[in-house]
Amino acid sequence: MVYPVLLFSLLSAAAFLFIFGPVLTGQQRQRRELGRARLEAEKQTLVQLLRDLEFDLRTGKLSEADYQLAREEAETRAIDVLAQLDETRSRWTSTALEAEIGRLREQMGRRRRA
């Protein structure tokens, strides 16, 4: 009973990626944004799944054992998604910082030549 909800959530995230993927691809920045959007969408899906599981437990649709199992799986995946989001953000920050440093060095080089 828990698995259909989890499966539906993951399929929803996959459908989101399938629909919006071609629009957002092309350049490196767009690919990063797509990855970040995918992770954000998956994070939101997992948050909603955890809420739904809690509701199903309170209304008696889930047994305590099923709830614990599904919650552990969802939390494990959520932790993984959050770690990937953090890595993506730090990678983006590093890339942006390197680009800015390169731009400033180029400007300094032009000033020295002038």
Protein backbone atom coordinates (compact mmCIF):
# COMPACT_ATOMS: atom_id res chain seq x y z
CA MET A 1 0.00 0.00 0.00
CA VAL A 2 2.92 2.33 0.67
CA TYR A 3 4.78 1.40 -2.45
CA PRO A 4 2.14 2.73 -4.88
CA VAL A 5 2.39 6.14 -3.22
CA LEU A 6 6.18 6.08 -3.39
CA LEU A 7 6.10 4.85 -6.98
CA PHE A 8 3.60 7.55 -7.96
CA SER A 9 5.78 10.24 -6.41
CA LEU A 10 8.91 9.09 -8.18
CA LEU A 11 7.07 8.75 -11.49
CA SER A 12 5.73 12.28 -11.07
CA ALA A 13 9.25 13.59 -10.64
CA ALA A 14 10.39 11.61 -13.70
CA ALA A 15 7.49 12.97 -15.76
CA PHE A 16 8.43 16.49 -14.73
CA LEU A 17 11.96 15.89 -15.99
CA PHE A 18 10.78 14.27 -19.20
CA ILE A 19 8.47 17.17 -20.05
CA PHE A 20 10.77 20.04 -19.15
CA GLY A 21 14.08 18.37 -19.97
CA PRO A 22 14.32 19.23 -23.68
CA VAL A 23 13.37 22.85 -23.04
CA LEU A 24 16.10 23.37 -20.47
CA THR A 25 18.98 21.53 -22.14
CA GLY A 26 21.57 22.89 -24.48
CA GLN A 27 24.12 24.90 -22.59
CA GLN A 28 26.08 23.90 -19.53
CA ARG A 29 24.32 26.39 -17.30
CA GLN A 30 20.93 25.15 -18.42
CA ARG A 31 21.97 21.57 -17.68
CA ARG A 32 23.02 22.56 -14.17
CA GLU A 33 19.73 24.34 -13.68
CA LEU A 34 17.87 21.29 -14.92
CA GLY A 35 19.71 19.10 -12.47
CA ARG A 36 18.98 21.54 -9.70
CA ALA A 37 15.31 21.77 -10.75
CA ARG A 38 15.07 17.99 -10.84
CA LEU A 39 16.51 17.75 -7.36
CA GLU A 40 14.22 20.51 -6.07
CA ALA A 41 11.21 18.76 -7.60
CA GLU A 42 12.24 15.46 -6.10
CA LYS A 43 12.78 17.14 -2.73
CA GLN A 44 9.26 18.59 -2.86
CA THR A 45 7.86 15.21 -3.89
CA LEU A 46 9.58 13.53 -0.97
CA VAL A 47 8.37 16.17 1.49
CA GLN A 48 4.81 15.63 0.27
CA LEU A 49 5.27 11.87 0.49
CA LEU A 50 6.36 12.17 4.13
CA ARG A 51 3.30 14.32 4.86
CA ASP A 52 1.04 11.81 3.13
CA LEU A 53 2.57 8.93 5.06
CA GLU A 54 1.98 10.75 8.33
CA PHE A 55 -1.62 11.43 7.34
CA ASP A 56 -2.18 7.82 6.27
CA LEU A 57 -0.82 6.60 9.60
CA ARG A 58 -3.11 8.92 11.57
CA THR A 59 -6.16 7.91 9.55
CA GLY A 60 -5.40 4.22 9.92
CA LYS A 61 -4.63 3.54 6.26
CA LEU A 62 -1.12 2.38 7.18
CA SER A 63 0.11 0.10 9.89
CA GLU A 64 2.93 1.34 12.10
CA ALA A 65 5.34 -1.16 10.50
CA ASP A 66 4.48 -0.06 6.95
CA TYR A 67 4.74 3.57 7.99
CA GLN A 68 8.20 3.09 9.53
CA LEU A 69 9.48 1.22 6.48
CA ALA A 70 8.17 3.77 3.98
CA ARG A 71 9.32 6.69 6.11
CA GLU A 72 12.86 5.30 6.40
CA GLU A 73 13.05 4.83 2.63
CA ALA A 74 11.74 8.32 1.94
CA GLU A 75 14.03 9.92 4.53
CA THR A 76 17.05 8.08 3.14
CA ARG A 77 16.25 9.32 -0.35
CA ALA A 78 15.57 12.85 0.96
CA ILE A 79 18.96 12.94 2.68
CA ASP A 80 20.60 11.87 -0.58
CA VAL A 81 18.73 14.55 -2.54
CA LEU A 82 19.65 17.26 -0.01
CA ALA A 83 23.30 16.23 -0.18
CA GLN A 84 23.19 16.43 -3.98
CA LEU A 85 21.58 19.87 -3.79
CA ASP A 86 24.30 21.08 -1.43
CA GLU A 87 26.97 19.71 -3.77
CA THR A 88 25.32 21.37 -6.77
CA ARG A 89 25.13 24.70 -4.98
CA SER A 90 28.77 24.57 -3.88
CA ARG A 91 29.87 23.52 -7.37
CA TRP A 92 27.89 26.40 -8.88
CA THR A 93 29.42 28.83 -6.39
CA SER A 94 32.93 27.58 -7.17
CA THR A 95 32.32 27.83 -10.92
CA ALA A 96 30.89 31.34 -10.62
CA LEU A 97 33.78 32.39 -8.40
CA GLU A 98 36.37 31.01 -10.83
CA ALA A 99 34.66 32.83 -13.71
CA GLU A 100 34.71 36.11 -11.77
CA ILE A 101 38.40 35.68 -10.89
CA GLY A 102 39.19 35.01 -14.55
CA ARG A 103 37.26 38.09 -15.63
CA LEU A 104 39.09 40.28 -13.09
CA ARG A 105 42.49 38.91 -14.15
CA GLU A 106 41.64 39.66 -17.75
CA GLN A 107 40.69 43.24 -16.86
CA MET A 108 43.91 43.68 -14.88
CA GLY A 109 45.92 42.36 -17.83
CA ARG A 110 44.28 44.88 -20.17
CA ARG A 111 45.03 47.74 -17.78
CA ARG A 112 48.71 46.77 -17.57
CA ARG A 113 49.00 46.70 -21.36
CA ALA A 114 47.30 50.09 -21.74
